[in-house]
Amino acid sequence: MTDPKRLACVSIHRERRAVQLTNYGQRLAARARQVLDVCSTARAEMRANDLTETIALGVLPSIPIQKISAIAKACVAAFSRGIV
C-alpha cells in the first residue's frame, strides 16, 4: 500500500468508525482502476497469444530509448533461443 505522505496530498479522511476518500482520493482511485484494467487486459491478451507470434512490449515514455532497445533485443534473443 502506498504511503499517503508520498502522494503529496490527502487521499483519505479517517474518523473513528469510518475511512472516506477525499475528492483527490476518488480521482486517484478512478485512475488506479483504469491502470488495473489495462494491466488485466494486457495479461489476457498475452495469455491468448501464441508465443511464436509478435509480442508487444509496453514501456513508459520516461525510459531512455537506449534501455528500451536493449530490453527489446534481449527479449528477441531469449524468445529465439526458446528460453522464455
Protein backbone atom coordinates (compact mmCIF):
# COMPACT_ATOMS: atom_id res chain seq x y z
CA MET A 1 0.00 0.00 0.00
CA THR A 2 1.29 3.46 -0.87
CA ASP A 3 2.16 5.78 1.98
CA PRO A 4 -0.23 8.78 1.73
CA LYS A 5 2.71 11.07 2.51
CA ARG A 6 4.35 10.03 -0.77
CA LEU A 7 1.28 11.17 -2.72
CA ALA A 8 1.84 14.75 -1.54
CA CYS A 9 -1.90 15.10 -0.99
CA VAL A 10 -4.64 13.88 1.30
CA SER A 11 -6.39 10.93 -0.33
CA ILE A 12 -8.37 9.63 2.66
CA HIS A 13 -10.14 11.13 5.62
CA ARG A 14 -10.11 8.96 8.74
CA GLU A 15 -12.65 9.14 11.51
CA ARG A 16 -13.16 6.88 14.48
CA ARG A 17 -15.52 4.49 12.71
CA ALA A 18 -15.00 5.23 9.04
CA VAL A 19 -12.50 5.98 6.33
CA GLN A 20 -13.62 8.04 3.36
CA LEU A 21 -11.89 9.04 0.17
CA THR A 22 -11.34 12.75 -0.34
CA ASN A 23 -12.09 14.26 -3.76
CA TYR A 24 -8.45 13.69 -4.66
CA GLY A 25 -8.66 10.14 -3.37
CA GLN A 26 -11.70 9.46 -5.56
CA ARG A 27 -9.85 10.74 -8.64
CA LEU A 28 -6.80 8.69 -7.70
CA ALA A 29 -8.92 5.56 -7.18
CA ALA A 30 -10.60 6.03 -10.56
CA ARG A 31 -7.20 6.36 -12.26
CA ALA A 32 -5.88 3.33 -10.37
CA ARG A 33 -8.87 1.29 -11.59
CA GLN A 34 -8.03 2.31 -15.17
CA VAL A 35 -4.41 1.20 -14.71
CA LEU A 36 -5.51 -2.14 -13.25
CA ASP A 37 -7.96 -2.65 -16.12
CA VAL A 38 -5.22 -2.01 -18.69
CA CYS A 39 -2.92 -4.47 -16.89
CA SER A 40 -5.66 -7.07 -16.76
CA THR A 41 -6.38 -6.65 -20.47
CA ALA A 42 -2.68 -6.96 -21.31
CA ARG A 43 -2.40 -10.18 -19.28
CA ALA A 44 -5.45 -11.63 -21.02
CA GLU A 45 -4.07 -10.70 -24.45
CA MET A 46 -0.71 -12.29 -23.65
CA ARG A 47 -2.40 -15.50 -22.47
CA ALA A 48 -4.47 -15.59 -25.66
CA ASN A 49 -1.47 -15.08 -27.99
CA ASP A 50 0.70 -17.86 -29.26
CA LEU A 51 4.25 -17.11 -28.05
CA THR A 52 5.58 -17.64 -31.58
CA GLU A 53 3.72 -14.54 -32.75
CA THR A 54 4.54 -10.87 -32.27
CA ILE A 55 4.82 -9.70 -28.70
CA ALA A 56 4.08 -6.09 -27.84
CA LEU A 57 6.42 -4.51 -25.30
CA GLY A 58 4.82 -1.64 -23.41
CA VAL A 59 7.19 0.91 -21.90
CA LEU A 60 6.98 4.19 -20.06
CA PRO A 61 7.88 7.29 -22.10
CA SER A 62 10.31 8.29 -19.35
CA ILE A 63 12.59 5.30 -20.04
CA PRO A 64 15.54 6.22 -22.30
CA ILE A 65 15.33 4.71 -25.79
CA GLN A 66 18.73 3.03 -25.34
CA LYS A 67 17.39 0.99 -22.42
CA ILE A 68 14.21 0.13 -24.32
CA SER A 69 16.30 -1.05 -27.26
CA ALA A 70 18.46 -3.24 -25.01
CA ILE A 71 15.38 -4.77 -23.37
CA ALA A 72 13.76 -5.45 -26.75
CA LYS A 73 16.93 -7.07 -28.11
CA ALA A 74 17.23 -9.26 -25.00
CA CYS A 75 13.59 -10.36 -25.37
CA VAL A 76 14.07 -11.22 -29.05
CA ALA A 77 17.21 -13.20 -28.23
CA ALA A 78 15.52 -15.07 -25.38
CA PHE A 79 12.48 -15.97 -27.48
CA SER A 80 14.57 -17.04 -30.47
CA ARG A 81 16.60 -19.39 -28.23
CA GLY A 82 13.41 -20.76 -26.65
CA ILE A 83 14.40 -19.58 -23.18
CA VAL A 84 11.06 -17.92 -22.49
